[in-house]
Amino acid sequence: MKIFSGSSNKPLAEKIAKCLNADFSPLEIFVFPDGERRVKVEEKVIDEETVVVQSTNAPADTNYMETFFIVDALKRSGANAVSAVISYLGYQRQDHVFQDGEAVSLEVIIETLEAVGVDKIITIDLHSVKIPELFKIPIIHLSALEIFAEEIKKLSGENFAVSGTNNLKLSILNHKSSFVLVSPDMGGIRRIKILSELLGNAPWATIEKNRDLITGAVTANKLEGSAVDGKDVIIVDDMISTGKTIATACELLEKRGAKDIYVFATHAVFSKEAPEILQNSKAKEIFVTDSIFIPKDKQFQKLKTLSIDSLIADSLKELKTL
């Protein structure tokens, strides 16, 4: 198995290759002055199982086009199969028609991936569980929830030896009964229920969020489920884009008596002023994965990153044995 990487998330691709003890294979990606890209495979891949690792976050159009070219180059070079690890699937929030006259952009993306010759897709925490139904090729839909559960156990001191100066850092939460899991909107109920089960049926609640489709303004004033008064709170979401949903949720939870607030989200989309909004929010720490590469100018003090490298590597190992 040979691992190739596009330009968007090379650090993740390198970590996946290391987990697999696989070759990290070179590609020549040349960008012309007008922005067009030329992709060239620099080693023989005839009859090889190949993997392309690419996040298709912003600039989504560029990252998708580069992915299409890499897959095409591998197929033309004789690769036996091409699996695309698209750790963040761009356009996934445009999976159906919201208003008359709109394109279903995600369907166009999927049809193009299939047309250029992708044999399998591996992705993580899609915005909707119905998205895999849109694919005609096999898709493996992974989740970061188990990674989050293990990190929460560490933070709560469960099954983790804590001593010395690490005690303050790692024992953020006293015990699982002292915290409440919270979904920042009603769409995350399924996600929060799964995480609750992973944490021994931890208590959970949901926030009823409203977003103005014209201005993008987010409001939240209703909390349903377990009470958060006097409890530490863990907000869980699939992605953070503008940061407004998280900031608004934190404000509501603080008003309802929550103590320390922590955030776990898979995809750090971080558009516009998100890093500043998150840093200034009521959250104490914000955990994301490396499904999207976070450049230095989008990093901030409260940010913590968890890797999905072993999760993806394990999935690729299973493909290799089939």
C-alpha atoms as a PDB file:
ATOM      1  CA  MET A   1       0.000   0.000   0.000  1.00  0.00           C
ATOM      2  CA  LYS A   2       1.342   3.397  -0.996  1.00  0.00           C
ATOM      3  CA  ILE A   3       0.205   6.618   0.639  1.00  0.00           C
ATOM      4  CA  PHE A   4      -0.041   9.843  -1.377  1.00  0.00           C
ATOM      5  CA  SER A   5      -0.983  13.265  -0.121  1.00  0.00           C
ATOM      6  CA  GLY A   6      -2.541  16.339  -1.614  1.00  0.00           C
ATOM      7  CA  SER A   7      -1.542  19.792  -0.441  1.00  0.00           C
ATOM      8  CA  SER A   8      -4.235  20.375   2.159  1.00  0.00           C
ATOM      9  CA  ASN A   9      -3.219  18.089   5.044  1.00  0.00           C
ATOM     10  CA  LYS A  10       0.197  16.565   4.458  1.00  0.00           C
ATOM     11  CA  PRO A  11       0.984  16.255   8.223  1.00  0.00           C
ATOM     12  CA  LEU A  12      -1.987  13.906   8.680  1.00  0.00           C
ATOM     13  CA  ALA A  13      -0.971  11.850   5.644  1.00  0.00           C
ATOM     14  CA  GLU A  14       2.557  11.458   7.032  1.00  0.00           C
ATOM     15  CA  LYS A  15       1.214  10.308  10.411  1.00  0.00           C
ATOM     16  CA  ILE A  16      -1.108   7.777   8.765  1.00  0.00           C
ATOM     17  CA  ALA A  17       1.780   6.387   6.714  1.00  0.00           C
ATOM     18  CA  LYS A  18       3.890   6.090   9.870  1.00  0.00           C
ATOM     19  CA  CYS A  19       1.089   4.207  11.668  1.00  0.00           C
ATOM     20  CA  LEU A  20       0.944   1.764   8.756  1.00  0.00           C
ATOM     21  CA  ASN A  21       4.715   1.472   8.293  1.00  0.00           C
ATOM     22  CA  ALA A  22       3.885   2.275   4.679  1.00  0.00           C
ATOM     23  CA  ASP A  23       5.731   4.232   2.036  1.00  0.00           C
ATOM     24  CA  PHE A  24       4.897   7.926   1.914  1.00  0.00           C
ATOM     25  CA  SER A  25       5.106   8.378  -1.816  1.00  0.00           C
ATOM     26  CA  PRO A  26       6.085  11.602  -3.565  1.00  0.00           C
ATOM     27  CA  LEU A  27       3.921  13.581  -5.943  1.00  0.00           C
ATOM     28  CA  GLU A  28       4.870  16.529  -8.078  1.00  0.00           C
ATOM     29  CA  ILE A  29       2.193  19.199  -7.724  1.00  0.00           C
ATOM     30  CA  PHE A  30       3.098  22.235  -9.791  1.00  0.00           C
ATOM     31  CA  VAL A  31       1.046  25.422  -9.617  1.00  0.00           C
ATOM     32  CA  PHE A  32       1.125  27.597 -12.732  1.00  0.00           C
ATOM     33  CA  PRO A  33       1.064  31.407 -12.478  1.00  0.00           C
ATOM     34  CA  ASP A  34      -2.639  31.424 -13.342  1.00  0.00           C
ATOM     35  CA  GLY A  35      -3.427  29.004 -10.492  1.00  0.00           C
ATOM     36  CA  GLU A  36      -3.915  25.871 -12.580  1.00  0.00           C
ATOM     37  CA  ARG A  37      -2.299  22.709 -11.195  1.00  0.00           C
ATOM     38  CA  ARG A  38      -0.359  19.904 -12.789  1.00  0.00           C
ATOM     39  CA  VAL A  39      -0.032  16.597 -10.947  1.00  0.00           C
ATOM     40  CA  LYS A  40       2.567  13.934 -11.681  1.00  0.00           C
ATOM     41  CA  VAL A  41       3.108  10.560  -9.965  1.00  0.00           C
ATOM     42  CA  GLU A  42       6.843  10.170  -9.427  1.00  0.00           C
ATOM     43  CA  GLU A  43       7.082   6.420  -8.865  1.00  0.00           C
ATOM     44  CA  LYS A  44       5.637   3.242 -10.341  1.00  0.00           C
ATOM     45  CA  VAL A  45       2.248   2.224  -8.993  1.00  0.00           C
ATOM     46  CA  ILE A  46       1.318  -0.508 -11.480  1.00  0.00           C
ATOM     47  CA  ASP A  47      -0.986  -3.020  -9.725  1.00  0.00           C
ATOM     48  CA  GLU A  48      -0.462  -1.225  -6.394  1.00  0.00           C
ATOM     49  CA  GLU A  49      -3.072  -0.434  -3.744  1.00  0.00           C
ATOM     50  CA  THR A  50      -2.880   3.348  -3.392  1.00  0.00           C
ATOM     51  CA  VAL A  51      -4.319   5.831  -0.912  1.00  0.00           C
ATOM     52  CA  VAL A  52      -4.832   9.562  -1.409  1.00  0.00           C
ATOM     53  CA  VAL A  53      -5.123  11.642   1.771  1.00  0.00           C
ATOM     54  CA  GLN A  54      -6.755  15.033   1.333  1.00  0.00           C
ATOM     55  CA  SER A  55      -8.977  17.335   3.372  1.00  0.00           C
ATOM     56  CA  THR A  56     -11.354  19.297   1.182  1.00  0.00           C
ATOM     57  CA  ASN A  57     -11.814  22.295   3.444  1.00  0.00           C
ATOM     58  CA  ALA A  58     -11.191  25.854   2.234  1.00  0.00           C
ATOM     59  CA  PRO A  59     -10.172  26.436  -0.462  1.00  0.00           C
ATOM     60  CA  ALA A  60     -12.558  23.538  -1.157  1.00  0.00           C
ATOM     61  CA  ASP A  61     -12.659  24.002  -4.932  1.00  0.00           C
ATOM     62  CA  THR A  62      -8.871  23.932  -5.238  1.00  0.00           C
ATOM     63  CA  ASN A  63      -8.513  20.946  -2.915  1.00  0.00           C
ATOM     64  CA  TYR A  64     -11.162  18.967  -4.766  1.00  0.00           C
ATOM     65  CA  MET A  65      -9.654  19.684  -8.180  1.00  0.00           C
ATOM     66  CA  GLU A  66      -6.256  18.590  -6.890  1.00  0.00           C
ATOM     67  CA  THR A  67      -7.826  15.384  -5.550  1.00  0.00           C
ATOM     68  CA  PHE A  68      -9.435  14.651  -8.929  1.00  0.00           C
ATOM     69  CA  PHE A  69      -6.094  15.143 -10.693  1.00  0.00           C
ATOM     70  CA  ILE A  70      -4.197  12.907  -8.238  1.00  0.00           C
ATOM     71  CA  VAL A  71      -6.729  10.092  -8.607  1.00  0.00           C
ATOM     72  CA  ASP A  72      -6.655  10.404 -12.389  1.00  0.00           C
ATOM     73  CA  ALA A  73      -2.843  10.364 -12.428  1.00  0.00           C
ATOM     74  CA  LEU A  74      -2.757   7.218 -10.266  1.00  0.00           C
ATOM     75  CA  LYS A  75      -5.321   5.439 -12.431  1.00  0.00           C
ATOM     76  CA  ARG A  76      -3.483   6.366 -15.640  1.00  0.00           C
ATOM     77  CA  SER A  77      -0.243   5.129 -14.049  1.00  0.00           C
ATOM     78  CA  GLY A  78      -1.715   1.667 -13.518  1.00  0.00           C
ATOM     79  CA  ALA A  79      -2.775   1.682  -9.855  1.00  0.00           C
ATOM     80  CA  ASN A  80      -4.896  -1.341  -9.015  1.00  0.00           C
ATOM     81  CA  ALA A  81      -7.132   0.629  -6.665  1.00  0.00           C
ATOM     82  CA  VAL A  82      -7.380   4.155  -5.291  1.00  0.00           C
ATOM     83  CA  SER A  83      -8.873   4.778  -1.866  1.00  0.00           C
ATOM     84  CA  ALA A  84      -9.504   8.422  -1.010  1.00  0.00           C
ATOM     85  CA  VAL A  85      -9.159   9.436   2.624  1.00  0.00           C
ATOM     86  CA  ILE A  86     -11.133  12.660   2.653  1.00  0.00           C
ATOM     87  CA  SER A  87     -10.932  13.465   6.331  1.00  0.00           C
ATOM     88  CA  TYR A  88     -13.187  16.497   5.911  1.00  0.00           C
ATOM     89  CA  LEU A  89     -15.701  16.268   3.073  1.00  0.00           C
ATOM     90  CA  GLY A  90     -16.218  19.734   1.662  1.00  0.00           C
ATOM     91  CA  TYR A  91     -19.723  20.760   0.533  1.00  0.00           C
ATOM     92  CA  GLN A  92     -21.285  18.200   2.881  1.00  0.00           C
ATOM     93  CA  ARG A  93     -23.711  20.807   4.216  1.00  0.00           C
ATOM     94  CA  GLN A  94     -25.117  21.219   0.694  1.00  0.00           C
ATOM     95  CA  ASP A  95     -26.554  17.706   0.540  1.00  0.00           C
ATOM     96  CA  HIS A  96     -30.099  18.659  -0.519  1.00  0.00           C
ATOM     97  CA  VAL A  97     -32.109  21.551  -1.938  1.00  0.00           C
ATOM     98  CA  PHE A  98     -32.846  24.185   0.704  1.00  0.00           C
ATOM     99  CA  GLN A  99     -34.448  26.707  -1.666  1.00  0.00           C
ATOM    100  CA  ASP A 100     -35.909  26.389  -5.155  1.00  0.00           C
ATOM    101  CA  GLY A 101     -33.347  26.823  -7.904  1.00  0.00           C
ATOM    102  CA  GLU A 102     -30.338  25.548  -5.913  1.00  0.00           C
ATOM    103  CA  ALA A 103     -27.835  22.939  -7.031  1.00  0.00           C
ATOM    104  CA  VAL A 104     -27.218  19.924  -4.806  1.00  0.00           C
ATOM    105  CA  SER A 105     -23.502  20.628  -4.701  1.00  0.00           C
ATOM    106  CA  LEU A 106     -22.508  17.545  -2.725  1.00  0.00           C
ATOM    107  CA  GLU A 107     -24.070  15.239  -5.322  1.00  0.00           C
ATOM    108  CA  VAL A 108     -21.963  16.923  -8.032  1.00  0.00           C
ATOM    109  CA  ILE A 109     -18.822  16.367  -5.945  1.00  0.00           C
ATOM    110  CA  ILE A 110     -19.664  12.707  -5.314  1.00  0.00           C
ATOM    111  CA  GLU A 111     -20.419  12.023  -8.977  1.00  0.00           C
ATOM    112  CA  THR A 112     -17.080  13.567  -9.950  1.00  0.00           C
ATOM    113  CA  LEU A 113     -15.135  11.505  -7.399  1.00  0.00           C
ATOM    114  CA  GLU A 114     -16.753   8.380  -8.791  1.00  0.00           C
ATOM    115  CA  ALA A 115     -16.181   9.431 -12.411  1.00  0.00           C
ATOM    116  CA  VAL A 116     -12.421  10.002 -12.000  1.00  0.00           C
ATOM    117  CA  GLY A 117     -12.024   6.495 -10.585  1.00  0.00           C
ATOM    118  CA  VAL A 118     -12.057   6.574  -6.793  1.00  0.00           C
ATOM    119  CA  ASP A 119     -12.719   3.009  -5.632  1.00  0.00           C
ATOM    120  CA  LYS A 120     -13.420   3.659  -1.937  1.00  0.00           C
ATOM    121  CA  ILE A 121     -13.927   6.669   0.306  1.00  0.00           C
ATOM    122  CA  ILE A 122     -12.908   6.948   3.945  1.00  0.00           C
ATOM    123  CA  THR A 123     -14.220   9.966   5.799  1.00  0.00           C
ATOM    124  CA  ILE A 124     -15.078  11.008   9.318  1.00  0.00           C
ATOM    125  CA  ASP A 125     -18.072  12.536  11.102  1.00  0.00           C
ATOM    126  CA  LEU A 126     -20.256  13.634   8.232  1.00  0.00           C
ATOM    127  CA  HIS A 127     -22.800  16.348   8.955  1.00  0.00           C
ATOM    128  CA  SER A 128     -25.635  13.948   8.137  1.00  0.00           C
ATOM    129  CA  VAL A 129     -25.782  10.160   8.542  1.00  0.00           C
ATOM    130  CA  LYS A 130     -27.734  10.036   5.271  1.00  0.00           C
ATOM    131  CA  ILE A 131     -24.806  11.289   3.157  1.00  0.00           C
ATOM    132  CA  PRO A 132     -23.263   7.800   2.622  1.00  0.00           C
ATOM    133  CA  GLU A 133     -26.481   6.835   0.821  1.00  0.00           C
ATOM    134  CA  LEU A 134     -25.553   9.291  -1.953  1.00  0.00           C
ATOM    135  CA  PHE A 135     -22.440   7.280  -2.914  1.00  0.00           C
ATOM    136  CA  LYS A 136     -22.457   4.430  -5.429  1.00  0.00           C
ATOM    137  CA  ILE A 137     -18.941   3.358  -4.402  1.00  0.00           C
ATOM    138  CA  PRO A 138     -18.116   1.924  -0.950  1.00  0.00           C
ATOM    139  CA  ILE A 139     -17.747   4.541   1.775  1.00  0.00           C
ATOM    140  CA  ILE A 140     -16.394   4.009   5.270  1.00  0.00           C
ATOM    141  CA  HIS A 141     -17.837   6.571   7.672  1.00  0.00           C
ATOM    142  CA  LEU A 142     -15.670   6.813  10.785  1.00  0.00           C
ATOM    143  CA  SER A 143     -16.325   8.744  13.983  1.00  0.00           C
ATOM    144  CA  ALA A 144     -14.097  10.617  16.417  1.00  0.00           C
ATOM    145  CA  LEU A 145     -16.486   9.959  19.307  1.00  0.00           C
ATOM    146  CA  GLU A 146     -14.396   7.109  20.725  1.00  0.00           C
ATOM    147  CA  ILE A 147     -11.340   9.379  20.660  1.00  0.00           C
ATOM    148  CA  PHE A 148     -13.374  12.039  22.459  1.00  0.00           C
ATOM    149  CA  ALA A 149     -14.612   9.506  25.010  1.00  0.00           C
ATOM    150  CA  GLU A 150     -11.075   8.389  25.824  1.00  0.00           C
ATOM    151  CA  GLU A 151      -9.917  11.981  26.207  1.00  0.00           C
ATOM    152  CA  ILE A 152     -12.845  12.807  28.470  1.00  0.00           C
ATOM    153  CA  LYS A 153     -12.011   9.765  30.611  1.00  0.00           C
ATOM    154  CA  LYS A 154      -8.457  11.025  30.916  1.00  0.00           C
ATOM    155  CA  LEU A 155      -9.608  14.494  31.829  1.00  0.00           C
ATOM    156  CA  SER A 156     -11.978  13.103  34.448  1.00  0.00           C
ATOM    157  CA  GLY A 157      -9.214  10.997  35.972  1.00  0.00           C
ATOM    158  CA  GLU A 158     -10.834   7.669  35.103  1.00  0.00           C
ATOM    159  CA  ASN A 159      -8.538   4.787  34.169  1.00  0.00           C
ATOM    160  CA  PHE A 160      -5.635   7.190  34.106  1.00  0.00           C
ATOM    161  CA  ALA A 161      -2.752   7.470  36.520  1.00  0.00           C
ATOM    162  CA  VAL A 162      -2.370  11.113  37.535  1.00  0.00           C
ATOM    163  CA  SER A 163       0.483  12.368  39.626  1.00  0.00           C
ATOM    164  CA  GLY A 164       2.722  15.342  40.296  1.00  0.00           C
ATOM    165  CA  THR A 165       2.402  18.517  38.264  1.00  0.00           C
ATOM    166  CA  ASN A 166       0.195  16.782  35.665  1.00  0.00           C
ATOM    167  CA  ASN A 167      -2.626  16.528  38.182  1.00  0.00           C
ATOM    168  CA  LEU A 168      -3.881  20.077  37.602  1.00  0.00           C
ATOM    169  CA  LYS A 169      -3.698  19.710  33.837  1.00  0.00           C
ATOM    170  CA  LEU A 170      -5.273  16.274  33.480  1.00  0.00           C
ATOM    171  CA  SER A 171      -7.840  16.150  36.262  1.00  0.00           C
ATOM    172  CA  ILE A 172     -10.004  18.886  34.818  1.00  0.00           C
ATOM    173  CA  LEU A 173     -13.183  16.987  35.610  1.00  0.00           C
ATOM    174  CA  ASN A 174     -13.621  15.256  38.954  1.00  0.00           C
ATOM    175  CA  HIS A 175     -15.867  12.341  37.941  1.00  0.00           C
ATOM    176  CA  LYS A 176     -18.226  11.477  35.119  1.00  0.00           C
ATOM    177  CA  SER A 177     -21.244  12.129  37.359  1.00  0.00           C
ATOM    178  CA  SER A 178     -20.042  15.715  37.793  1.00  0.00           C
ATOM    179  CA  PHE A 179     -20.385  16.636  34.111  1.00  0.00           C
ATOM    180  CA  VAL A 180     -23.139  16.903  31.527  1.00  0.00           C
ATOM    181  CA  LEU A 181     -22.734  16.355  27.788  1.00  0.00           C
ATOM    182  CA  VAL A 182     -24.413  19.027  25.688  1.00  0.00           C
ATOM    183  CA  SER A 183     -25.337  19.205  22.022  1.00  0.00           C
ATOM    184  CA  PRO A 184     -25.306  22.857  20.849  1.00  0.00           C
ATOM    185  CA  ASP A 185     -28.308  22.187  18.586  1.00  0.00           C
ATOM    186  CA  MET A 186     -31.083  19.656  18.127  1.00  0.00           C
ATOM    187  CA  GLY A 187     -29.351  18.116  15.106  1.00  0.00           C
ATOM    188  CA  GLY A 188     -26.663  16.619  17.328  1.00  0.00           C
ATOM    189  CA  ILE A 189     -28.919  14.449  19.497  1.00  0.00           C
ATOM    190  CA  ARG A 190     -27.814  11.189  17.858  1.00  0.00           C
ATOM    191  CA  ARG A 191     -24.160  12.118  18.363  1.00  0.00           C
ATOM    192  CA  ILE A 192     -24.607  13.053  22.016  1.00  0.00           C
ATOM    193  CA  LYS A 193     -26.516   9.830  22.767  1.00  0.00           C
ATOM    194  CA  ILE A 194     -23.704   7.701  21.322  1.00  0.00           C
ATOM    195  CA  LEU A 195     -21.068   9.548  23.348  1.00  0.00           C
ATOM    196  CA  SER A 196     -23.206   9.225  26.463  1.00  0.00           C
ATOM    197  CA  GLU A 197     -23.270   5.442  26.028  1.00  0.00           C
ATOM    198  CA  LEU A 198     -19.497   5.360  25.514  1.00  0.00           C
ATOM    199  CA  LEU A 199     -19.167   7.173  28.851  1.00  0.00           C
ATOM    200  CA  GLY A 200     -21.412   4.843  30.833  1.00  0.00           C
ATOM    201  CA  ASN A 201     -24.700   6.642  30.104  1.00  0.00           C
ATOM    202  CA  ALA A 202     -23.466  10.064  31.153  1.00  0.00           C
ATOM    203  CA  PRO A 203     -26.210  12.703  31.521  1.00  0.00           C
ATOM    204  CA  TRP A 204     -26.859  14.900  28.509  1.00  0.00           C
ATOM    205  CA  ALA A 205     -28.839  17.893  27.330  1.00  0.00           C
ATOM    206  CA  THR A 206     -29.537  19.750  24.091  1.00  0.00           C
ATOM    207  CA  ILE A 207     -29.800  23.406  23.183  1.00  0.00           C
ATOM    208  CA  GLU A 208     -32.494  24.684  20.849  1.00  0.00           C
ATOM    209  CA  LYS A 209     -30.641  26.962  18.435  1.00  0.00           C
ATOM    210  CA  ASN A 210     -32.039  29.408  15.927  1.00  0.00           C
ATOM    211  CA  ARG A 211     -30.041  30.839  13.024  1.00  0.00           C
ATOM    212  CA  ASP A 212     -31.111  33.722  10.795  1.00  0.00           C
ATOM    213  CA  LEU A 213     -30.506  32.412   7.259  1.00  0.00           C
ATOM    214  CA  ILE A 214     -29.937  35.953   5.968  1.00  0.00           C
ATOM    215  CA  THR A 215     -27.680  37.478   8.635  1.00  0.00           C
ATOM    216  CA  GLY A 216     -26.232  34.263  10.096  1.00  0.00           C
ATOM    217  CA  ALA A 217     -27.007  35.494  13.628  1.00  0.00           C
ATOM    218  CA  VAL A 218     -27.348  32.661  16.170  1.00  0.00           C
ATOM    219  CA  THR A 219     -29.633  32.733  19.195  1.00  0.00           C
ATOM    220  CA  ALA A 220     -30.206  30.098  21.878  1.00  0.00           C
ATOM    221  CA  ASN A 221     -32.400  30.374  24.959  1.00  0.00           C
ATOM    222  CA  LYS A 222     -33.824  26.909  25.543  1.00  0.00           C
ATOM    223  CA  LEU A 223     -32.046  23.954  27.184  1.00  0.00           C
ATOM    224  CA  GLU A 224     -33.650  20.516  27.337  1.00  0.00           C
ATOM    225  CA  GLY A 225     -32.479  17.474  29.284  1.00  0.00           C
ATOM    226  CA  SER A 226     -30.239  17.157  32.316  1.00  0.00           C
ATOM    227  CA  ALA A 227     -29.679  20.236  34.463  1.00  0.00           C
ATOM    228  CA  VAL A 228     -26.236  21.840  34.194  1.00  0.00           C
ATOM    229  CA  ASP A 229     -26.357  23.951  37.351  1.00  0.00           C
ATOM    230  CA  GLY A 230     -23.191  23.307  39.357  1.00  0.00           C
ATOM    231  CA  LYS A 231     -21.882  20.860  36.753  1.00  0.00           C
ATOM    232  CA  ASP A 232     -18.958  20.892  34.382  1.00  0.00           C
ATOM    233  CA  VAL A 233     -20.208  20.817  30.795  1.00  0.00           C
ATOM    234  CA  ILE A 234     -18.814  19.205  27.646  1.00  0.00           C
ATOM    235  CA  ILE A 235     -20.221  20.561  24.384  1.00  0.00           C
ATOM    236  CA  VAL A 236     -19.901  18.101  21.474  1.00  0.00           C
ATOM    237  CA  ASP A 237     -20.327  18.926  17.781  1.00  0.00           C
ATOM    238  CA  ASP A 238     -19.223  17.638  14.382  1.00  0.00           C
ATOM    239  CA  MET A 239     -17.595  20.904  13.262  1.00  0.00           C
ATOM    240  CA  ILE A 240     -16.882  24.482  14.223  1.00  0.00           C
ATOM    241  CA  SER A 241     -17.203  26.989  11.408  1.00  0.00           C
ATOM    242  CA  THR A 242     -17.784  30.599  12.516  1.00  0.00           C
ATOM    243  CA  GLY A 243     -17.643  29.746  16.229  1.00  0.00           C
ATOM    244  CA  LYS A 244     -20.903  31.629  16.870  1.00  0.00           C
ATOM    245  CA  THR A 245     -22.891  28.499  17.753  1.00  0.00           C
ATOM    246  CA  ILE A 246     -20.305  27.464  20.354  1.00  0.00           C
ATOM    247  CA  ALA A 247     -19.963  30.954  21.833  1.00  0.00           C
ATOM    248  CA  THR A 248     -23.744  31.350  22.092  1.00  0.00           C
ATOM    249  CA  ALA A 249     -24.106  27.908  23.684  1.00  0.00           C
ATOM    250  CA  CYS A 250     -21.420  28.714  26.242  1.00  0.00           C
ATOM    251  CA  GLU A 251     -23.190  31.935  27.227  1.00  0.00           C
ATOM    252  CA  LEU A 252     -26.484  30.116  27.750  1.00  0.00           C
ATOM    253  CA  LEU A 253     -24.858  27.348  29.773  1.00  0.00           C
ATOM    254  CA  GLU A 254     -23.055  29.822  32.007  1.00  0.00           C
ATOM    255  CA  LYS A 255     -26.363  31.621  32.648  1.00  0.00           C
ATOM    256  CA  ARG A 256     -27.868  28.253  33.603  1.00  0.00           C
ATOM    257  CA  GLY A 257     -25.200  27.746  36.264  1.00  0.00           C
ATOM    258  CA  ALA A 258     -22.630  25.569  34.479  1.00  0.00           C
ATOM    259  CA  LYS A 259     -19.156  25.548  35.980  1.00  0.00           C
ATOM    260  CA  ASP A 260     -16.277  24.874  33.565  1.00  0.00           C
ATOM    261  CA  ILE A 261     -17.209  24.438  29.912  1.00  0.00           C
ATOM    262  CA  TYR A 262     -15.216  22.292  27.462  1.00  0.00           C
ATOM    263  CA  VAL A 263     -15.794  21.839  23.747  1.00  0.00           C
ATOM    264  CA  PHE A 264     -15.119  18.775  21.570  1.00  0.00           C
ATOM    265  CA  ALA A 265     -15.614  19.066  17.792  1.00  0.00           C
ATOM    266  CA  THR A 266     -14.220  16.918  15.002  1.00  0.00           C
ATOM    267  CA  HIS A 267     -13.637  19.432  12.217  1.00  0.00           C
ATOM    268  CA  ALA A 268     -11.892  22.764  12.805  1.00  0.00           C
ATOM    269  CA  VAL A 269     -13.313  24.609   9.808  1.00  0.00           C
ATOM    270  CA  PHE A 270     -12.573  27.939  11.549  1.00  0.00           C
ATOM    271  CA  SER A 271     -13.881  30.386   8.969  1.00  0.00           C
ATOM    272  CA  LYS A 272     -13.529  34.161   9.290  1.00  0.00           C
ATOM    273  CA  GLU A 273     -13.083  35.357  12.895  1.00  0.00           C
ATOM    274  CA  ALA A 274     -13.730  31.942  14.475  1.00  0.00           C
ATOM    275  CA  PRO A 275     -10.399  31.672  16.354  1.00  0.00           C
ATOM    276  CA  GLU A 276     -10.949  35.070  18.011  1.00  0.00           C
ATOM    277  CA  ILE A 277     -14.582  34.279  18.829  1.00  0.00           C
ATOM    278  CA  LEU A 278     -13.612  30.921  20.357  1.00  0.00           C
ATOM    279  CA  GLN A 279     -10.702  32.329  22.345  1.00  0.00           C
ATOM    280  CA  ASN A 280     -12.991  35.008  23.800  1.00  0.00           C
ATOM    281  CA  SER A 281     -15.838  32.571  24.496  1.00  0.00           C
ATOM    282  CA  LYS A 282     -16.772  31.182  27.918  1.00  0.00           C
ATOM    283  CA  ALA A 283     -15.214  27.810  27.007  1.00  0.00           C
ATOM    284  CA  LYS A 284     -12.185  26.809  29.052  1.00  0.00           C
ATOM    285  CA  GLU A 285     -10.656  24.500  26.431  1.00  0.00           C
ATOM    286  CA  ILE A 286     -11.612  23.547  22.886  1.00  0.00           C
ATOM    287  CA  PHE A 287     -10.623  20.122  21.532  1.00  0.00           C
ATOM    288  CA  VAL A 288     -10.635  19.399  17.782  1.00  0.00           C
ATOM    289  CA  THR A 289      -9.068  16.736  15.578  1.00  0.00           C
ATOM    290  CA  ASP A 290      -6.474  17.099  12.838  1.00  0.00           C
ATOM    291  CA  SER A 291      -8.998  16.183  10.120  1.00  0.00           C
ATOM    292  CA  ILE A 292      -8.281  19.710   8.882  1.00  0.00           C
ATOM    293  CA  PHE A 293      -4.797  21.194   9.052  1.00  0.00           C
ATOM    294  CA  ILE A 294      -4.834  24.255  11.318  1.00  0.00           C
ATOM    295  CA  PRO A 295      -2.273  26.889  10.260  1.00  0.00           C
ATOM    296  CA  LYS A 296      -0.534  28.953  12.924  1.00  0.00           C
ATOM    297  CA  ASP A 297      -2.625  32.032  12.215  1.00  0.00           C
ATOM    298  CA  LYS A 298      -5.763  30.079  13.193  1.00  0.00           C
ATOM    299  CA  GLN A 299      -4.363  28.560  16.363  1.00  0.00           C
ATOM    300  CA  PHE A 300      -5.192  30.062  19.754  1.00  0.00           C
ATOM    301  CA  GLN A 301      -4.434  29.479  23.421  1.00  0.00           C
ATOM    302  CA  LYS A 302      -7.536  27.457  24.298  1.00  0.00           C
ATOM    303  CA  LEU A 303      -7.131  25.102  21.330  1.00  0.00           C
ATOM    304  CA  LYS A 304      -6.131  21.436  21.807  1.00  0.00           C
ATOM    305  CA  THR A 305      -5.715  18.997  18.909  1.00  0.00           C
ATOM    306  CA  LEU A 306      -6.345  15.236  18.939  1.00  0.00           C
ATOM    307  CA  SER A 307      -5.141  13.071  16.059  1.00  0.00           C
ATOM    308  CA  ILE A 308      -7.284  10.716  13.984  1.00  0.00           C
ATOM    309  CA  ASP A 309      -4.203   9.069  12.421  1.00  0.00           C
ATOM    310  CA  SER A 310      -4.581   5.681  14.134  1.00  0.00           C
ATOM    311  CA  LEU A 311      -8.347   5.634  13.529  1.00  0.00           C
ATOM    312  CA  ILE A 312      -7.814   6.014   9.780  1.00  0.00           C
ATOM    313  CA  ALA A 313      -4.786   3.696   9.748  1.00  0.00           C
ATOM    314  CA  ASP A 314      -6.813   0.918  11.399  1.00  0.00           C
ATOM    315  CA  SER A 315      -9.496   1.311   8.747  1.00  0.00           C
ATOM    316  CA  LEU A 316      -6.902   1.097   5.973  1.00  0.00           C
ATOM    317  CA  LYS A 317      -5.440  -2.040   7.559  1.00  0.00           C
ATOM    318  CA  GLU A 318      -8.841  -3.679   7.321  1.00  0.00           C
ATOM    319  CA  LEU A 319      -9.083  -2.730   3.649  1.00  0.00           C
ATOM    320  CA  LYS A 320      -5.665  -4.259   3.036  1.00  0.00           C
ATOM    321  CA  THR A 321      -6.772  -7.619   4.466  1.00  0.00           C
ATOM    322  CA  LEU A 322      -9.948  -7.825   2.356  1.00  0.00           C
END
